[in-house]
Amino acid sequence: MKSREFDKKFDEGEDISKYLDVSKARRPEQEQKRVNVDFPLWMIHLLDKEAKRLGVPRQSIIKVWLAERLEKA
């Protein structure tokens, strides 16, 4: 299919997912790598308290706060 035809289908709101091969798709700058970090217990308790208040996992709090801090740097 030519790109013009593909664009037309997309612009008309047609479901174009059947024309895409997402098996090798990736999100640049979004790849993940696992790291281990040791925190003092008082930090864990405060992180858990805040996570419970917001209804999210502890890991989410850590990621968001780190991202905010890194954006400022």
N, C-alpha and C. Protein backbone atom coordinates (compact mmCIF):
# COMPACT_ATOMS: atom_id res chain seq x y z
N MET A 1 0.86 -1.17 0.00
CA MET A 1 0.00 0.00 0.00
C MET A 1 0.90 1.23 0.00
N LYS A 2 0.54 2.18 -0.77
CA LYS A 2 1.29 3.44 -0.84
C LYS A 2 0.94 4.30 0.37
N SER A 3 1.87 5.15 0.76
CA SER A 3 1.67 5.97 1.96
C SER A 3 0.46 6.89 1.82
N ARG A 4 0.19 7.37 0.63
CA ARG A 4 -0.98 8.24 0.42
C ARG A 4 -2.27 7.52 0.77
N GLU A 5 -2.38 6.28 0.32
CA GLU A 5 -3.57 5.49 0.60
C GLU A 5 -3.69 5.22 2.11
N PHE A 6 -2.55 4.89 2.72
CA PHE A 6 -2.52 4.65 4.16
C PHE A 6 -2.97 5.90 4.92
N ASP A 7 -2.40 7.07 4.55
CA ASP A 7 -2.77 8.33 5.19
C ASP A 7 -4.26 8.64 5.02
N LYS A 8 -4.78 8.34 3.85
CA LYS A 8 -6.20 8.60 3.58
C LYS A 8 -7.07 7.75 4.50
N LYS A 9 -6.74 6.48 4.62
CA LYS A 9 -7.51 5.60 5.50
C LYS A 9 -7.46 6.13 6.94
N PHE A 10 -6.26 6.54 7.39
CA PHE A 10 -6.13 7.07 8.74
C PHE A 10 -6.96 8.34 8.91
N ASP A 11 -6.84 9.26 7.96
CA ASP A 11 -7.57 10.53 8.04
C ASP A 11 -9.08 10.34 8.04
N GLU A 12 -9.54 9.27 7.40
CA GLU A 12 -10.98 8.99 7.35
C GLU A 12 -11.46 8.21 8.57
N GLY A 13 -10.53 7.94 9.49
CA GLY A 13 -10.90 7.27 10.73
C GLY A 13 -10.97 5.76 10.64
N GLU A 14 -10.50 5.20 9.55
CA GLU A 14 -10.51 3.75 9.40
C GLU A 14 -9.49 3.12 10.34
N ASP A 15 -9.79 1.93 10.82
CA ASP A 15 -8.87 1.20 11.67
C ASP A 15 -7.70 0.72 10.82
N ILE A 16 -6.53 1.28 11.04
CA ILE A 16 -5.36 0.95 10.23
C ILE A 16 -4.44 -0.06 10.92
N SER A 17 -4.84 -0.54 12.09
CA SER A 17 -3.98 -1.44 12.85
C SER A 17 -3.65 -2.72 12.08
N LYS A 18 -4.54 -3.16 11.21
CA LYS A 18 -4.28 -4.39 10.45
C LYS A 18 -3.16 -4.20 9.43
N TYR A 19 -2.81 -2.97 9.14
CA TYR A 19 -1.74 -2.68 8.18
C TYR A 19 -0.38 -2.47 8.86
N LEU A 20 -0.36 -2.53 10.17
CA LEU A 20 0.87 -2.25 10.91
C LEU A 20 1.46 -3.53 11.48
N ASP A 21 2.78 -3.64 11.44
CA ASP A 21 3.49 -4.74 12.08
C ASP A 21 4.15 -4.17 13.34
N VAL A 22 3.52 -4.40 14.48
CA VAL A 22 4.03 -3.83 15.74
C VAL A 22 4.91 -4.82 16.51
N SER A 23 5.25 -5.94 15.88
CA SER A 23 6.05 -6.95 16.58
C SER A 23 7.44 -6.43 16.96
N LYS A 24 7.95 -5.47 16.21
CA LYS A 24 9.27 -4.93 16.51
C LYS A 24 9.21 -3.45 16.89
N ALA A 25 8.02 -2.99 17.21
CA ALA A 25 7.87 -1.59 17.58
C ALA A 25 8.55 -1.32 18.91
N ARG A 26 9.07 -0.11 19.05
CA ARG A 26 9.68 0.28 20.32
C ARG A 26 9.44 1.76 20.53
N ARG A 27 9.55 2.17 21.74
CA ARG A 27 9.36 3.58 22.09
C ARG A 27 10.71 4.15 22.46
N PRO A 28 11.29 4.96 21.58
CA PRO A 28 12.61 5.52 21.87
C PRO A 28 12.63 6.24 23.22
N GLU A 29 13.71 6.09 23.92
CA GLU A 29 13.91 6.70 25.23
C GLU A 29 12.99 6.12 26.30
N GLN A 30 12.25 5.06 26.00
CA GLN A 30 11.33 4.47 26.97
C GLN A 30 11.71 3.04 27.37
N GLU A 31 12.80 2.53 26.80
CA GLU A 31 13.23 1.19 27.19
C GLU A 31 13.51 1.19 28.69
N GLN A 32 13.29 0.04 29.30
CA GLN A 32 13.47 -0.02 30.75
C GLN A 32 14.65 -0.90 31.12
N LYS A 33 15.25 -0.57 32.22
CA LYS A 33 16.35 -1.36 32.79
C LYS A 33 16.12 -1.42 34.30
N ARG A 34 16.19 -2.60 34.82
CA ARG A 34 15.96 -2.79 36.26
C ARG A 34 17.21 -2.37 37.04
N VAL A 35 16.98 -1.63 38.12
CA VAL A 35 18.06 -1.26 39.03
C VAL A 35 17.61 -1.55 40.46
N ASN A 36 18.56 -1.79 41.30
CA ASN A 36 18.26 -2.02 42.72
C ASN A 36 18.77 -0.83 43.51
N VAL A 37 17.92 -0.33 44.38
CA VAL A 37 18.29 0.80 45.23
C VAL A 37 17.92 0.45 46.66
N ASP A 38 18.83 0.70 47.57
CA ASP A 38 18.56 0.47 49.00
C ASP A 38 18.13 1.78 49.63
N PHE A 39 16.98 1.75 50.32
CA PHE A 39 16.46 2.92 51.03
C PHE A 39 16.42 2.64 52.52
N PRO A 40 16.64 3.65 53.34
CA PRO A 40 16.45 3.47 54.78
C PRO A 40 14.97 3.18 55.07
N LEU A 41 14.72 2.47 56.16
CA LEU A 41 13.34 2.10 56.50
C LEU A 41 12.42 3.30 56.64
N TRP A 42 12.91 4.41 57.20
CA TRP A 42 12.04 5.57 57.38
C TRP A 42 11.55 6.08 56.02
N MET A 43 12.39 5.98 54.98
CA MET A 43 11.96 6.41 53.64
C MET A 43 10.90 5.46 53.09
N ILE A 44 11.12 4.18 53.29
CA ILE A 44 10.15 3.18 52.82
C ILE A 44 8.79 3.42 53.46
N HIS A 45 8.79 3.68 54.76
CA HIS A 45 7.52 3.92 55.47
C HIS A 45 6.81 5.15 54.91
N LEU A 46 7.56 6.22 54.69
CA LEU A 46 6.96 7.44 54.15
C LEU A 46 6.50 7.26 52.70
N LEU A 47 7.29 6.53 51.92
CA LEU A 47 6.89 6.24 50.54
C LEU A 47 5.60 5.42 50.52
N ASP A 48 5.53 4.41 51.38
CA ASP A 48 4.34 3.57 51.45
C ASP A 48 3.12 4.35 51.90
N LYS A 49 3.32 5.25 52.85
CA LYS A 49 2.22 6.07 53.34
C LYS A 49 1.67 6.96 52.21
N GLU A 50 2.58 7.58 51.46
CA GLU A 50 2.16 8.44 50.35
C GLU A 50 1.53 7.62 49.22
N ALA A 51 2.09 6.47 48.93
CA ALA A 51 1.54 5.60 47.89
C ALA A 51 0.13 5.15 48.25
N LYS A 52 -0.07 4.80 49.52
CA LYS A 52 -1.41 4.39 49.96
C LYS A 52 -2.39 5.54 49.86
N ARG A 53 -1.95 6.74 50.24
CA ARG A 53 -2.82 7.91 50.17
C ARG A 53 -3.27 8.18 48.73
N LEU A 54 -2.35 8.00 47.78
CA LEU A 54 -2.66 8.25 46.37
C LEU A 54 -3.26 7.04 45.66
N GLY A 55 -3.18 5.88 46.30
CA GLY A 55 -3.72 4.66 45.70
C GLY A 55 -2.89 4.14 44.55
N VAL A 56 -1.58 4.28 44.67
CA VAL A 56 -0.67 3.80 43.62
C VAL A 56 0.44 2.98 44.27
N PRO A 57 1.15 2.18 43.47
CA PRO A 57 2.27 1.41 44.04
C PRO A 57 3.44 2.31 44.43
N ARG A 58 4.22 1.85 45.34
CA ARG A 58 5.42 2.58 45.79
C ARG A 58 6.32 2.94 44.61
N GLN A 59 6.50 1.99 43.69
CA GLN A 59 7.37 2.20 42.55
C GLN A 59 6.93 3.41 41.72
N SER A 60 5.63 3.61 41.60
CA SER A 60 5.12 4.75 40.83
C SER A 60 5.52 6.07 41.46
N ILE A 61 5.42 6.14 42.77
CA ILE A 61 5.83 7.36 43.48
C ILE A 61 7.30 7.65 43.22
N ILE A 62 8.14 6.62 43.35
CA ILE A 62 9.57 6.79 43.16
C ILE A 62 9.86 7.27 41.74
N LYS A 63 9.24 6.65 40.74
CA LYS A 63 9.48 7.03 39.35
C LYS A 63 9.07 8.47 39.07
N VAL A 64 7.90 8.84 39.54
CA VAL A 64 7.40 10.20 39.28
C VAL A 64 8.30 11.23 39.97
N TRP A 65 8.63 10.99 41.22
CA TRP A 65 9.46 11.96 41.94
C TRP A 65 10.85 12.07 41.33
N LEU A 66 11.43 10.96 40.93
CA LEU A 66 12.74 11.00 40.27
C LEU A 66 12.66 11.75 38.94
N ALA A 67 11.62 11.48 38.17
CA ALA A 67 11.46 12.16 36.87
C ALA A 67 11.32 13.66 37.07
N GLU A 68 10.53 14.06 38.05
CA GLU A 68 10.36 15.50 38.33
C GLU A 68 11.69 16.14 38.69
N ARG A 69 12.46 15.47 39.50
CA ARG A 69 13.75 16.03 39.94
C ARG A 69 14.74 16.10 38.78
N LEU A 70 14.75 15.08 37.95
CA LEU A 70 15.67 15.05 36.81
C LEU A 70 15.31 16.10 35.76
N GLU A 71 14.03 16.38 35.61
CA GLU A 71 13.61 17.42 34.67
C GLU A 71 14.10 18.80 35.11
N LYS A 72 14.19 18.99 36.42
CA LYS A 72 14.66 20.29 36.95
C LYS A 72 16.17 20.45 36.79
N ALA A 73 16.88 19.33 36.78
CA ALA A 73 18.36 19.36 36.73
C ALA A 73 18.87 19.84 35.38
